[in-house]
């Protein structure tokens, strides 16, 4: 449907960039793609005074679900960006949300007349 059901990533790059910190918490992100396009979901880590670092990317087909599991070092803030996997014309504008540790369930939507992706809480 949309690739492997689970992705667990703790990149060496992030571990090196955040050296000297102690593990804090995990993130469990469930995405449902309710658009008519394949999406790229990118998680970026940001530490004060540093450039954002992409720590995970997951592609989710239309009508499919994708899960992203991460454990990061203390002091890193994570955000999720959803966009087109490759530039197209006209490309919908990406959607971005800051993440909190724990479980986050989101639905990706896009109005056919709008160039904007939207991230909304998934219904329970």
PDB file of N, CA and C in Angstrom:
ATOM      1  N   UNK A   1       0.811  -1.182   0.000  1.00  0.00           N
ATOM      2  CA  UNK A   1       0.000   0.000   0.000  1.00  0.00           C
ATOM      3  C   UNK A   1       0.853   1.242   0.000  1.00  0.00           C
ATOM      4  N   UNK A   2       1.675   1.484   0.987  1.00  0.00           N
ATOM      5  CA  UNK A   2       2.515   2.664   1.001  1.00  0.00           C
ATOM      6  C   UNK A   2       3.908   2.316   1.465  1.00  0.00           C
ATOM      7  N   UNK A   3       4.363   1.104   1.208  1.00  0.00           N
ATOM      8  CA  UNK A   3       5.692   0.695   1.644  1.00  0.00           C
ATOM      9  C   UNK A   3       5.597  -0.077   2.946  1.00  0.00           C
ATOM     10  N   UNK A   4       6.714  -0.172   3.627  1.00  0.00           N
ATOM     11  CA  UNK A   4       6.764  -0.909   4.885  1.00  0.00           C
ATOM     12  C   UNK A   4       5.868  -0.233   5.914  1.00  0.00           C
ATOM     13  N   UNK A   5       5.197  -1.002   6.783  1.00  0.00           N
ATOM     14  CA  UNK A   5       4.266  -0.409   7.725  1.00  0.00           C
ATOM     15  C   UNK A   5       4.944   0.419   8.816  1.00  0.00           C
ATOM     16  N   UNK A   6       6.156   0.116   9.155  1.00  0.00           N
ATOM     17  CA  UNK A   6       6.834   0.865  10.203  1.00  0.00           C
ATOM     18  C   UNK A   6       8.208   1.307   9.742  1.00  0.00           C
ATOM     19  N   UNK A   7       8.575   2.490  10.137  1.00  0.00           N
ATOM     20  CA  UNK A   7       9.912   2.996   9.857  1.00  0.00           C
ATOM     21  C   UNK A   7      10.497   3.435  11.185  1.00  0.00           C
ATOM     22  N   UNK A   8      11.630   2.873  11.567  1.00  0.00           N
ATOM     23  CA  UNK A   8      12.285   3.266  12.810  1.00  0.00           C
ATOM     24  C   UNK A   8      13.652   3.818  12.450  1.00  0.00           C
ATOM     25  N   UNK A   9      13.878   5.064  12.743  1.00  0.00           N
ATOM     26  CA  UNK A   9      15.109   5.709  12.310  1.00  0.00           C
ATOM     27  C   UNK A   9      15.748   6.451  13.472  1.00  0.00           C
ATOM     28  N   UNK A  10      16.995   6.162  13.726  1.00  0.00           N
ATOM     29  CA  UNK A  10      17.812   6.928  14.653  1.00  0.00           C
ATOM     30  C   UNK A  10      19.121   7.176  13.921  1.00  0.00           C
ATOM     31  N   UNK A  11      19.154   8.184  13.058  1.00  0.00           N
ATOM     32  CA  UNK A  11      20.321   8.380  12.211  1.00  0.00           C
ATOM     33  C   UNK A  11      21.580   8.728  12.995  1.00  0.00           C
ATOM     34  N   UNK A  12      22.675   8.199  12.499  1.00  0.00           N
ATOM     35  CA  UNK A  12      23.968   8.502  13.107  1.00  0.00           C
ATOM     36  C   UNK A  12      24.265   9.992  13.006  1.00  0.00           C
ATOM     37  N   UNK A  13      23.791  10.622  11.945  1.00  0.00           N
ATOM     38  CA  UNK A  13      24.019  12.057  11.781  1.00  0.00           C
ATOM     39  C   UNK A  13      23.389  12.823  12.931  1.00  0.00           C
ATOM     40  N   UNK A  14      22.142  12.486  13.282  1.00  0.00           N
ATOM     41  CA  UNK A  14      21.472  13.172  14.380  1.00  0.00           C
ATOM     42  C   UNK A  14      22.173  12.878  15.697  1.00  0.00           C
ATOM     43  N   UNK A  15      22.547  11.630  15.907  1.00  0.00           N
ATOM     44  CA  UNK A  15      23.227  11.269  17.149  1.00  0.00           C
ATOM     45  C   UNK A  15      24.525  12.062  17.284  1.00  0.00           C
ATOM     46  N   UNK A  16      25.260  12.200  16.180  1.00  0.00           N
ATOM     47  CA  UNK A  16      26.501  12.971  16.219  1.00  0.00           C
ATOM     48  C   UNK A  16      26.241  14.452  16.422  1.00  0.00           C
ATOM     49  N   UNK A  17      25.205  14.971  15.787  1.00  0.00           N
ATOM     50  CA  UNK A  17      24.895  16.394  15.900  1.00  0.00           C
ATOM     51  C   UNK A  17      24.436  16.752  17.303  1.00  0.00           C
ATOM     52  N   UNK A  18      23.851  15.785  17.998  1.00  0.00           N
ATOM     53  CA  UNK A  18      23.317  16.054  19.318  1.00  0.00           C
ATOM     54  C   UNK A  18      24.137  15.359  20.412  1.00  0.00           C
ATOM     55  N   UNK A  19      25.397  15.120  20.136  1.00  0.00           N
ATOM     56  CA  UNK A  19      26.263  14.417  21.085  1.00  0.00           C
ATOM     57  C   UNK A  19      26.286  15.126  22.427  1.00  0.00           C
ATOM     58  N   UNK A  20      26.374  14.341  23.469  1.00  0.00           N
ATOM     59  CA  UNK A  20      26.453  14.902  24.811  1.00  0.00           C
ATOM     60  C   UNK A  20      25.090  15.050  25.467  1.00  0.00           C
ATOM     61  N   UNK A  21      24.013  14.778  24.748  1.00  0.00           N
ATOM     62  CA  UNK A  21      22.673  14.867  25.318  1.00  0.00           C
ATOM     63  C   UNK A  21      22.195  13.471  25.695  1.00  0.00           C
ATOM     64  N   UNK A  22      21.235  13.424  26.581  1.00  0.00           N
ATOM     65  CA  UNK A  22      20.700  12.137  27.007  1.00  0.00           C
ATOM     66  C   UNK A  22      19.381  11.871  26.299  1.00  0.00           C
ATOM     67  N   UNK A  23      19.074  10.602  26.024  1.00  0.00           N
ATOM     68  CA  UNK A  23      17.805  10.292  25.376  1.00  0.00           C
ATOM     69  C   UNK A  23      16.635  10.817  26.194  1.00  0.00           C
ATOM     70  N   UNK A  24      15.620  11.318  25.524  1.00  0.00           N
ATOM     71  CA  UNK A  24      14.456  11.852  26.221  1.00  0.00           C
ATOM     72  C   UNK A  24      13.207  11.055  25.901  1.00  0.00           C
ATOM     73  N   UNK A  25      12.669  11.231  24.722  1.00  0.00           N
ATOM     74  CA  UNK A  25      11.394  10.600  24.450  1.00  0.00           C
ATOM     75  C   UNK A  25      11.250  10.197  23.009  1.00  0.00           C
ATOM     76  N   UNK A  26      10.186   9.450  22.772  1.00  0.00           N
ATOM     77  CA  UNK A  26       9.928   8.975  21.432  1.00  0.00           C
ATOM     78  C   UNK A  26       8.738   9.674  20.806  1.00  0.00           C
ATOM     79  N   UNK A  27       8.665   9.542  19.501  1.00  0.00           N
ATOM     80  CA  UNK A  27       7.591  10.121  18.707  1.00  0.00           C
ATOM     81  C   UNK A  27       6.998   9.002  17.866  1.00  0.00           C
ATOM     82  N   UNK A  28       5.681   8.941  17.810  1.00  0.00           N
ATOM     83  CA  UNK A  28       4.945   7.958  17.031  1.00  0.00           C
ATOM     84  C   UNK A  28       3.949   8.739  16.189  1.00  0.00           C
ATOM     85  N   UNK A  29       4.230   8.883  14.890  1.00  0.00           N
ATOM     86  CA  UNK A  29       3.400   9.702  14.015  1.00  0.00           C
ATOM     87  C   UNK A  29       2.681   8.789  13.028  1.00  0.00           C
ATOM     88  N   UNK A  30       1.360   8.877  13.008  1.00  0.00           N
ATOM     89  CA  UNK A  30       0.538   8.135  12.067  1.00  0.00           C
ATOM     90  C   UNK A  30      -0.079   9.137  11.098  1.00  0.00           C
ATOM     91  N   UNK A  31       0.175   8.945   9.802  1.00  0.00           N
ATOM     92  CA  UNK A  31      -0.358   9.827   8.767  1.00  0.00           C
ATOM     93  C   UNK A  31      -1.334   9.061   7.893  1.00  0.00           C
ATOM     94  N   UNK A  32      -2.445   9.697   7.567  1.00  0.00           N
ATOM     95  CA  UNK A  32      -3.373   9.153   6.579  1.00  0.00           C
ATOM     96  C   UNK A  32      -3.448  10.150   5.427  1.00  0.00           C
ATOM     97  N   UNK A  33      -3.114   9.703   4.231  1.00  0.00           N
ATOM     98  CA  UNK A  33      -3.103  10.564   3.053  1.00  0.00           C
ATOM     99  C   UNK A  33      -4.486  10.541   2.412  1.00  0.00           C
ATOM    100  N   UNK A  34      -5.252  11.603   2.611  1.00  0.00           N
ATOM    101  CA  UNK A  34      -6.586  11.714   2.031  1.00  0.00           C
ATOM    102  C   UNK A  34      -6.575  12.568   0.771  1.00  0.00           C
ATOM    103  N   UNK A  35      -5.421  12.740   0.156  1.00  0.00           N
ATOM    104  CA  UNK A  35      -5.326  13.528  -1.063  1.00  0.00           C
ATOM    105  C   UNK A  35      -5.323  12.611  -2.278  1.00  0.00           C
ATOM    106  N   UNK A  36      -5.313  13.217  -3.457  1.00  0.00           N
ATOM    107  CA  UNK A  36      -5.245  12.459  -4.705  1.00  0.00           C
ATOM    108  C   UNK A  36      -3.814  12.343  -5.216  1.00  0.00           C
ATOM    109  N   UNK A  37      -2.844  12.721  -4.387  1.00  0.00           N
ATOM    110  CA  UNK A  37      -1.433  12.714  -4.787  1.00  0.00           C
ATOM    111  C   UNK A  37      -0.578  11.978  -3.766  1.00  0.00           C
ATOM    112  N   UNK A  38       0.527  11.436  -4.236  1.00  0.00           N
ATOM    113  CA  UNK A  38       1.531  10.855  -3.338  1.00  0.00           C
ATOM    114  C   UNK A  38       2.178  12.000  -2.566  1.00  0.00           C
ATOM    115  N   UNK A  39       2.440  11.776  -1.291  1.00  0.00           N
ATOM    116  CA  UNK A  39       3.049  12.818  -0.473  1.00  0.00           C
ATOM    117  C   UNK A  39       4.388  12.355   0.076  1.00  0.00           C
ATOM    118  N   UNK A  40       5.220  13.326   0.393  1.00  0.00           N
ATOM    119  CA  UNK A  40       6.479  13.093   1.103  1.00  0.00           C
ATOM    120  C   UNK A  40       6.327  13.727   2.483  1.00  0.00           C
ATOM    121  N   UNK A  41       6.481  12.925   3.526  1.00  0.00           N
ATOM    122  CA  UNK A  41       6.429  13.415   4.899  1.00  0.00           C
ATOM    123  C   UNK A  41       7.865  13.449   5.419  1.00  0.00           C
ATOM    124  N   UNK A  42       8.329  14.633   5.796  1.00  0.00           N
ATOM    125  CA  UNK A  42       9.701  14.806   6.276  1.00  0.00           C
ATOM    126  C   UNK A  42       9.679  15.313   7.704  1.00  0.00           C
ATOM    127  N   UNK A  43      10.458  14.655   8.546  1.00  0.00           N
ATOM    128  CA  UNK A  43      10.597  15.123   9.925  1.00  0.00           C
ATOM    129  C   UNK A  43      11.960  15.779  10.049  1.00  0.00           C
ATOM    130  N   UNK A  44      11.937  17.004  10.575  1.00  0.00           N
ATOM    131  CA  UNK A  44      13.179  17.755  10.770  1.00  0.00           C
ATOM    132  C   UNK A  44      13.405  17.978  12.255  1.00  0.00           C
ATOM    133  N   UNK A  45      14.674  17.883  12.660  1.00  0.00           N
ATOM    134  CA  UNK A  45      15.086  18.192  14.025  1.00  0.00           C
ATOM    135  C   UNK A  45      15.780  19.549  14.012  1.00  0.00           C
ATOM    136  N   UNK A  46      15.515  20.330  15.029  1.00  0.00           N
ATOM    137  CA  UNK A  46      16.122  21.655  15.133  1.00  0.00           C
ATOM    138  C   UNK A  46      16.611  21.867  16.553  1.00  0.00           C
ATOM    139  N   UNK A  47      17.869  22.267  16.635  1.00  0.00           N
ATOM    140  CA  UNK A  47      18.453  22.655  17.920  1.00  0.00           C
ATOM    141  C   UNK A  47      18.822  24.108  17.828  1.00  0.00           C
ATOM    142  N   UNK A  48      18.747  24.842  18.927  1.00  0.00           N
ATOM    143  CA  UNK A  48      19.070  26.266  18.894  1.00  0.00           C
ATOM    144  C   UNK A  48      20.444  26.519  18.271  1.00  0.00           C
ATOM    145  N   UNK A  49      20.498  27.485  17.344  1.00  0.00           N
ATOM    146  CA  UNK A  49      21.753  27.864  16.712  1.00  0.00           C
ATOM    147  C   UNK A  49      22.204  26.952  15.591  1.00  0.00           C
ATOM    148  N   UNK A  50      21.402  25.952  15.221  1.00  0.00           N
ATOM    149  CA  UNK A  50      21.778  25.017  14.160  1.00  0.00           C
ATOM    150  C   UNK A  50      20.745  25.034  13.043  1.00  0.00           C
ATOM    151  N   UNK A  51      21.159  24.576  11.882  1.00  0.00           N
ATOM    152  CA  UNK A  51      20.250  24.448  10.746  1.00  0.00           C
ATOM    153  C   UNK A  51      19.357  23.221  10.958  1.00  0.00           C
ATOM    154  N   UNK A  52      18.122  23.254  10.437  1.00  0.00           N
ATOM    155  CA  UNK A  52      17.269  22.066  10.531  1.00  0.00           C
ATOM    156  C   UNK A  52      17.923  20.872   9.845  1.00  0.00           C
ATOM    157  N   UNK A  53      17.704  19.694  10.404  1.00  0.00           N
ATOM    158  CA  UNK A  53      18.275  18.457   9.884  1.00  0.00           C
ATOM    159  C   UNK A  53      17.144  17.462   9.630  1.00  0.00           C
ATOM    160  N   UNK A  54      16.985  17.012   8.376  1.00  0.00           N
ATOM    161  CA  UNK A  54      15.964  16.004   8.074  1.00  0.00           C
ATOM    162  C   UNK A  54      16.411  14.674   8.665  1.00  0.00           C
ATOM    163  N   UNK A  55      15.556  14.116   9.561  1.00  0.00           N
ATOM    164  CA  UNK A  55      15.920  12.871  10.238  1.00  0.00           C
ATOM    165  C   UNK A  55      15.096  11.680   9.769  1.00  0.00           C
ATOM    166  N   UNK A  56      14.018  11.938   9.037  1.00  0.00           N
ATOM    167  CA  UNK A  56      13.207  10.845   8.524  1.00  0.00           C
ATOM    168  C   UNK A  56      12.355  11.346   7.369  1.00  0.00           C
ATOM    169  N   UNK A  57      12.199  10.501   6.345  1.00  0.00           N
ATOM    170  CA  UNK A  57      11.317  10.800   5.216  1.00  0.00           C
ATOM    171  C   UNK A  57      10.492   9.558   4.918  1.00  0.00           C
ATOM    172  N   UNK A  58       9.219   9.766   4.703  1.00  0.00           N
ATOM    173  CA  UNK A  58       8.310   8.654   4.395  1.00  0.00           C
ATOM    174  C   UNK A  58       7.398   9.099   3.261  1.00  0.00           C
ATOM    175  N   UNK A  59       7.215   8.240   2.259  1.00  0.00           N
ATOM    176  CA  UNK A  59       6.317   8.521   1.149  1.00  0.00           C
ATOM    177  C   UNK A  59       5.034   7.742   1.364  1.00  0.00           C
ATOM    178  N   UNK A  60       3.892   8.426   1.191  1.00  0.00           N
ATOM    179  CA  UNK A  60       2.599   7.803   1.429  1.00  0.00           C
ATOM    180  C   UNK A  60       1.728   8.018   0.189  1.00  0.00           C
ATOM    181  N   UNK A  61       1.232   6.914  -0.356  1.00  0.00           N
ATOM    182  CA  UNK A  61       0.392   6.965  -1.550  1.00  0.00           C
ATOM    183  C   UNK A  61      -1.011   7.469  -1.207  1.00  0.00           C
ATOM    184  N   UNK A  62      -1.761   7.940  -2.232  1.00  0.00           N
ATOM    185  CA  UNK A  62      -3.137   8.406  -1.984  1.00  0.00           C
ATOM    186  C   UNK A  62      -3.982   7.313  -1.335  1.00  0.00           C
ATOM    187  N   UNK A  63      -4.746   7.689  -0.310  1.00  0.00           N
ATOM    188  CA  UNK A  63      -5.619   6.745   0.371  1.00  0.00           C
ATOM    189  C   UNK A  63      -4.920   5.789   1.315  1.00  0.00           C
ATOM    190  N   UNK A  64      -3.610   5.929   1.488  1.00  0.00           N
ATOM    191  CA  UNK A  64      -2.835   5.016   2.338  1.00  0.00           C
ATOM    192  C   UNK A  64      -2.452   5.680   3.654  1.00  0.00           C
ATOM    193  N   UNK A  65      -1.892   4.848   4.529  1.00  0.00           N
ATOM    194  CA  UNK A  65      -1.400   5.316   5.831  1.00  0.00           C
ATOM    195  C   UNK A  65       0.094   5.061   5.925  1.00  0.00           C
ATOM    196  N   UNK A  66       0.754   5.873   6.712  1.00  0.00           N
ATOM    197  CA  UNK A  66       2.176   5.690   6.969  1.00  0.00           C
ATOM    198  C   UNK A  66       2.464   5.976   8.426  1.00  0.00           C
ATOM    199  N   UNK A  67       3.383   5.223   9.000  1.00  0.00           N
ATOM    200  CA  UNK A  67       3.775   5.409  10.393  1.00  0.00           C
ATOM    201  C   UNK A  67       5.248   5.769  10.452  1.00  0.00           C
ATOM    202  N   UNK A  68       5.584   6.710  11.317  1.00  0.00           N
ATOM    203  CA  UNK A  68       6.980   7.108  11.515  1.00  0.00           C
ATOM    204  C   UNK A  68       7.247   7.042  13.012  1.00  0.00           C
ATOM    205  N   UNK A  69       8.234   6.246  13.409  1.00  0.00           N
ATOM    206  CA  UNK A  69       8.630   6.110  14.811  1.00  0.00           C
ATOM    207  C   UNK A  69      10.035   6.662  14.961  1.00  0.00           C
ATOM    208  N   UNK A  70      10.222   7.539  15.927  1.00  0.00           N
ATOM    209  CA  UNK A  70      11.540   8.133  16.141  1.00  0.00           C
ATOM    210  C   UNK A  70      11.831   8.272  17.619  1.00  0.00           C
ATOM    211  N   UNK A  71      13.092   8.222  17.951  1.00  0.00           N
ATOM    212  CA  UNK A  71      13.576   8.550  19.285  1.00  0.00           C
ATOM    213  C   UNK A  71      14.690   9.558  19.060  1.00  0.00           C
ATOM    214  N   UNK A  72      14.589  10.691  19.729  1.00  0.00           N
ATOM    215  CA  UNK A  72      15.579  11.746  19.526  1.00  0.00           C
ATOM    216  C   UNK A  72      16.210  12.150  20.844  1.00  0.00           C
ATOM    217  N   UNK A  73      17.247  12.916  20.721  1.00  0.00           N
ATOM    218  CA  UNK A  73      17.993  13.382  21.889  1.00  0.00           C
ATOM    219  C   UNK A  73      17.307  14.588  22.525  1.00  0.00           C
ATOM    220  N   UNK A  74      17.527  14.769  23.805  1.00  0.00           N
ATOM    221  CA  UNK A  74      16.979  15.894  24.552  1.00  0.00           C
ATOM    222  C   UNK A  74      17.424  17.212  23.911  1.00  0.00           C
ATOM    223  N   UNK A  75      16.532  18.159  23.889  1.00  0.00           N
ATOM    224  CA  UNK A  75      16.861  19.481  23.373  1.00  0.00           C
ATOM    225  C   UNK A  75      16.518  19.682  21.908  1.00  0.00           C
ATOM    226  N   UNK A  76      16.203  18.604  21.201  1.00  0.00           N
ATOM    227  CA  UNK A  76      15.836  18.739  19.790  1.00  0.00           C
ATOM    228  C   UNK A  76      14.333  18.954  19.693  1.00  0.00           C
ATOM    229  N   UNK A  77      13.939  19.881  18.851  1.00  0.00           N
ATOM    230  CA  UNK A  77      12.525  20.085  18.532  1.00  0.00           C
ATOM    231  C   UNK A  77      12.280  19.442  17.178  1.00  0.00           C
ATOM    232  N   UNK A  78      11.156  18.781  17.038  1.00  0.00           N
ATOM    233  CA  UNK A  78      10.837  18.147  15.762  1.00  0.00           C
ATOM    234  C   UNK A  78       9.650  18.838  15.106  1.00  0.00           C
ATOM    235  N   UNK A  79       9.689  18.878  13.783  1.00  0.00           N
ATOM    236  CA  UNK A  79       8.542  19.349  13.021  1.00  0.00           C
ATOM    237  C   UNK A  79       8.320  18.397  11.862  1.00  0.00           C
ATOM    238  N   UNK A  80       7.087  18.354  11.382  1.00  0.00           N
ATOM    239  CA  UNK A  80       6.697  17.512  10.259  1.00  0.00           C
ATOM    240  C   UNK A  80       6.286  18.412   9.109  1.00  0.00           C
ATOM    241  N   UNK A  81       6.832  18.136   7.931  1.00  0.00           N
ATOM    242  CA  UNK A  81       6.430  18.850   6.722  1.00  0.00           C
ATOM    243  C   UNK A  81       5.904  17.839   5.725  1.00  0.00           C
ATOM    244  N   UNK A  82       4.766  18.147   5.123  1.00  0.00           N
ATOM    245  CA  UNK A  82       4.169  17.306   4.098  1.00  0.00           C
ATOM    246  C   UNK A  82       4.160  18.092   2.799  1.00  0.00           C
ATOM    247  N   UNK A  83       4.696  17.475   1.731  1.00  0.00           N
ATOM    248  CA  UNK A  83       4.787  18.158   0.440  1.00  0.00           C
ATOM    249  C   UNK A  83       4.748  17.132  -0.686  1.00  0.00           C
ATOM    250  N   UNK A  84       4.841  17.635  -1.910  1.00  0.00           N
ATOM    251  CA  UNK A  84       4.982  16.770  -3.081  1.00  0.00           C
ATOM    252  C   UNK A  84       6.350  16.102  -3.014  1.00  0.00           C
ATOM    253  N   UNK A  85       6.478  14.833  -3.430  1.00  0.00           N
ATOM    254  CA  UNK A  85       7.785  14.173  -3.425  1.00  0.00           C
ATOM    255  C   UNK A  85       8.769  14.815  -4.400  1.00  0.00           C
ATOM    256  N   UNK A  86       8.260  15.303  -5.517  1.00  0.00           N
ATOM    257  CA  UNK A  86       9.112  15.949  -6.516  1.00  0.00           C
ATOM    258  C   UNK A  86       8.370  17.188  -7.015  1.00  0.00           C
ATOM    259  N   UNK A  87       9.114  18.216  -7.384  1.00  0.00           N
ATOM    260  CA  UNK A  87       8.452  19.439  -7.839  1.00  0.00           C
ATOM    261  C   UNK A  87       7.583  19.188  -9.072  1.00  0.00           C
ATOM    262  N   UNK A  88       6.361  19.690  -9.024  1.00  0.00           N
ATOM    263  CA  UNK A  88       5.476  19.662 -10.174  1.00  0.00           C
ATOM    264  C   UNK A  88       4.922  21.065 -10.344  1.00  0.00           C
ATOM    265  N   UNK A  89       4.283  21.306 -11.466  1.00  0.00           N
ATOM    266  CA  UNK A  89       3.740  22.632 -11.701  1.00  0.00           C
ATOM    267  C   UNK A  89       2.255  22.519 -11.973  1.00  0.00           C
ATOM    268  N   UNK A  90       1.395  23.103 -11.199  1.00  0.00           N
ATOM    269  CA  UNK A  90       1.660  23.864  -9.981  1.00  0.00           C
ATOM    270  C   UNK A  90       1.750  22.924  -8.779  1.00  0.00           C
ATOM    271  N   UNK A  91       2.709  23.134  -7.945  1.00  0.00           N
ATOM    272  CA  UNK A  91       2.909  22.290  -6.762  1.00  0.00           C
ATOM    273  C   UNK A  91       2.095  22.839  -5.593  1.00  0.00           C
ATOM    274  N   UNK A  92       1.374  21.961  -4.884  1.00  0.00           N
ATOM    275  CA  UNK A  92       0.692  22.417  -3.671  1.00  0.00           C
ATOM    276  C   UNK A  92       1.709  22.912  -2.645  1.00  0.00           C
ATOM    277  N   UNK A  93       1.333  23.914  -1.882  1.00  0.00           N
ATOM    278  CA  UNK A  93       2.213  24.423  -0.833  1.00  0.00           C
ATOM    279  C   UNK A  93       2.331  23.386   0.275  1.00  0.00           C
ATOM    280  N   UNK A  94       3.532  23.222   0.834  1.00  0.00           N
ATOM    281  CA  UNK A  94       3.686  22.237   1.910  1.00  0.00           C
ATOM    282  C   UNK A  94       2.943  22.674   3.175  1.00  0.00           C
ATOM    283  N   UNK A  95       2.625  21.706   4.007  1.00  0.00           N
ATOM    284  CA  UNK A  95       2.042  21.965   5.326  1.00  0.00           C
ATOM    285  C   UNK A  95       3.085  21.584   6.360  1.00  0.00           C
ATOM    286  N   UNK A  96       3.135  22.310   7.460  1.00  0.00           N
ATOM    287  CA  UNK A  96       4.130  22.069   8.505  1.00  0.00           C
ATOM    288  C   UNK A  96       3.460  22.167   9.871  1.00  0.00           C
ATOM    289  N   UNK A  97       3.916  21.278  10.789  1.00  0.00           N
ATOM    290  CA  UNK A  97       3.409  21.296  12.158  1.00  0.00           C
ATOM    291  C   UNK A  97       4.540  20.912  13.104  1.00  0.00           C
ATOM    292  N   UNK A  98       4.594  21.560  14.264  1.00  0.00           N
ATOM    293  CA  UNK A  98       5.548  21.175  15.302  1.00  0.00           C
ATOM    294  C   UNK A  98       5.010  19.944  16.019  1.00  0.00           C
ATOM    295  N   UNK A  99       5.893  19.023  16.370  1.00  0.00           N
ATOM    296  CA  UNK A  99       5.497  17.766  17.005  1.00  0.00           C
ATOM    297  C   UNK A  99       5.837  17.771  18.481  1.00  0.00           C
ATOM    298  N   UNK A 100       5.018  17.084  19.253  1.00  0.00           N
ATOM    299  CA  UNK A 100       5.279  16.863  20.671  1.00  0.00           C
ATOM    300  C   UNK A 100       5.587  15.380  20.858  1.00  0.00           C
ATOM    301  N   UNK A 101       6.402  15.033  21.867  1.00  0.00           N
ATOM    302  CA  UNK A 101       6.677  13.606  22.110  1.00  0.00           C
ATOM    303  C   UNK A 101       5.376  12.851  22.351  1.00  0.00           C
ATOM    304  N   UNK A 102       5.379  11.587  21.960  1.00  0.00           N
ATOM    305  CA  UNK A 102       4.200  10.748  22.130  1.00  0.00           C
ATOM    306  C   UNK A 102       3.559  10.451  20.789  1.00  0.00           C
ATOM    307  N   UNK A 103       2.296  10.068  20.833  1.00  0.00           N
ATOM    308  CA  UNK A 103       1.581   9.660  19.633  1.00  0.00           C
ATOM    309  C   UNK A 103       0.853  10.847  19.010  1.00  0.00           C
ATOM    310  N   UNK A 104       0.983  10.981  17.690  1.00  0.00           N
ATOM    311  CA  UNK A 104       0.302  12.016  16.921  1.00  0.00           C
ATOM    312  C   UNK A 104      -0.340  11.349  15.715  1.00  0.00           C
ATOM    313  N   UNK A 105      -1.646  11.512  15.541  1.00  0.00           N
ATOM    314  CA  UNK A 105      -2.358  10.962  14.389  1.00  0.00           C
ATOM    315  C   UNK A 105      -2.898  12.125  13.565  1.00  0.00           C
ATOM    316  N   UNK A 106      -2.513  12.175  12.293  1.00  0.00           N
ATOM    317  CA  UNK A 106      -2.883  13.292  11.431  1.00  0.00           C
ATOM    318  C   UNK A 106      -3.444  12.803  10.105  1.00  0.00           C
ATOM    319  N   UNK A 107      -4.322  13.616   9.532  1.00  0.00           N
ATOM    320  CA  UNK A 107      -4.850  13.380   8.197  1.00  0.00           C
ATOM    321  C   UNK A 107      -4.310  14.487   7.304  1.00  0.00           C
ATOM    322  N   UNK A 108      -3.806  14.107   6.127  1.00  0.00           N
ATOM    323  CA  UNK A 108      -3.329  15.069   5.144  1.00  0.00           C
ATOM    324  C   UNK A 108      -4.456  15.284   4.148  1.00  0.00           C
ATOM    325  N   UNK A 109      -4.839  16.547   3.971  1.00  0.00           N
ATOM    326  CA  UNK A 109      -5.919  16.897   3.048  1.00  0.00           C
ATOM    327  C   UNK A 109      -5.449  17.985   2.097  1.00  0.00           C
ATOM    328  N   UNK A 110      -6.185  18.084   0.985  1.00  0.00           N
ATOM    329  CA  UNK A 110      -5.937  19.161   0.030  1.00  0.00           C
ATOM    330  C   UNK A 110      -7.219  19.359  -0.763  1.00  0.00           C
ATOM    331  N   UNK A 111      -7.710  20.606  -0.798  1.00  0.00           N
ATOM    332  CA  UNK A 111      -8.867  20.915  -1.624  1.00  0.00           C
ATOM    333  C   UNK A 111      -8.420  20.927  -3.077  1.00  0.00           C
ATOM    334  N   UNK A 112      -9.207  20.349  -3.982  1.00  0.00           N
ATOM    335  CA  UNK A 112      -8.815  20.314  -5.395  1.00  0.00           C
ATOM    336  C   UNK A 112      -8.547  21.709  -5.979  1.00  0.00           C
ATOM    337  N   UNK A 113      -9.242  22.729  -5.491  1.00  0.00           N
ATOM    338  CA  UNK A 113      -9.048  24.082  -6.008  1.00  0.00           C
ATOM    339  C   UNK A 113      -7.924  24.832  -5.307  1.00  0.00           C
ATOM    340  N   UNK A 114      -7.383  24.267  -4.250  1.00  0.00           N
ATOM    341  CA  UNK A 114      -6.371  24.965  -3.454  1.00  0.00           C
ATOM    342  C   UNK A 114      -4.989  24.364  -3.655  1.00  0.00           C
ATOM    343  N   UNK A 115      -3.958  25.210  -3.684  1.00  0.00           N
ATOM    344  CA  UNK A 115      -2.595  24.696  -3.804  1.00  0.00           C
ATOM    345  C   UNK A 115      -1.972  24.346  -2.451  1.00  0.00           C
ATOM    346  N   UNK A 116      -2.768  24.273  -1.388  1.00  0.00           N
ATOM    347  CA  UNK A 116      -2.237  24.113  -0.034  1.00  0.00           C
ATOM    348  C   UNK A 116      -2.577  22.746   0.543  1.00  0.00           C
ATOM    349  N   UNK A 117      -1.552  22.010   1.037  1.00  0.00           N
ATOM    350  CA  UNK A 117      -1.805  20.822   1.839  1.00  0.00           C
ATOM    351  C   UNK A 117      -2.229  21.283   3.223  1.00  0.00           C
ATOM    352  N   UNK A 118      -3.037  20.461   3.916  1.00  0.00           N
ATOM    353  CA  UNK A 118      -3.438  20.748   5.285  1.00  0.00           C
ATOM    354  C   UNK A 118      -3.185  19.516   6.143  1.00  0.00           C
ATOM    355  N   UNK A 119      -2.747  19.725   7.366  1.00  0.00           N
ATOM    356  CA  UNK A 119      -2.599  18.660   8.359  1.00  0.00           C
ATOM    357  C   UNK A 119      -3.662  18.865   9.410  1.00  0.00           C
ATOM    358  N   UNK A 120      -4.497  17.849   9.635  1.00  0.00           N
ATOM    359  CA  UNK A 120      -5.572  17.940  10.604  1.00  0.00           C
ATOM    360  C   UNK A 120      -5.499  16.754  11.558  1.00  0.00           C
ATOM    361  N   UNK A 121      -5.950  16.931  12.795  1.00  0.00           N
ATOM    362  CA  UNK A 121      -5.984  15.779  13.702  1.00  0.00           C
ATOM    363  C   UNK A 121      -6.885  14.684  13.122  1.00  0.00           C
ATOM    364  N   UNK A 122      -6.455  13.446  13.259  1.00  0.00           N
ATOM    365  CA  UNK A 122      -7.250  12.318  12.768  1.00  0.00           C
ATOM    366  C   UNK A 122      -8.438  12.110  13.688  1.00  0.00           C
ATOM    367  N   UNK A 123      -9.613  11.806  13.107  1.00  0.00           N
ATOM    368  CA  UNK A 123     -10.755  11.510  13.974  1.00  0.00           C
ATOM    369  C   UNK A 123     -10.486  10.249  14.786  1.00  0.00           C
ATOM    370  N   UNK A 124     -11.014  10.203  15.967  1.00  0.00           N
ATOM    371  CA  UNK A 124     -10.800   9.050  16.847  1.00  0.00           C
ATOM    372  C   UNK A 124     -11.706   7.924  16.506  1.00  0.00           C
TER     373      UNK A 124
END
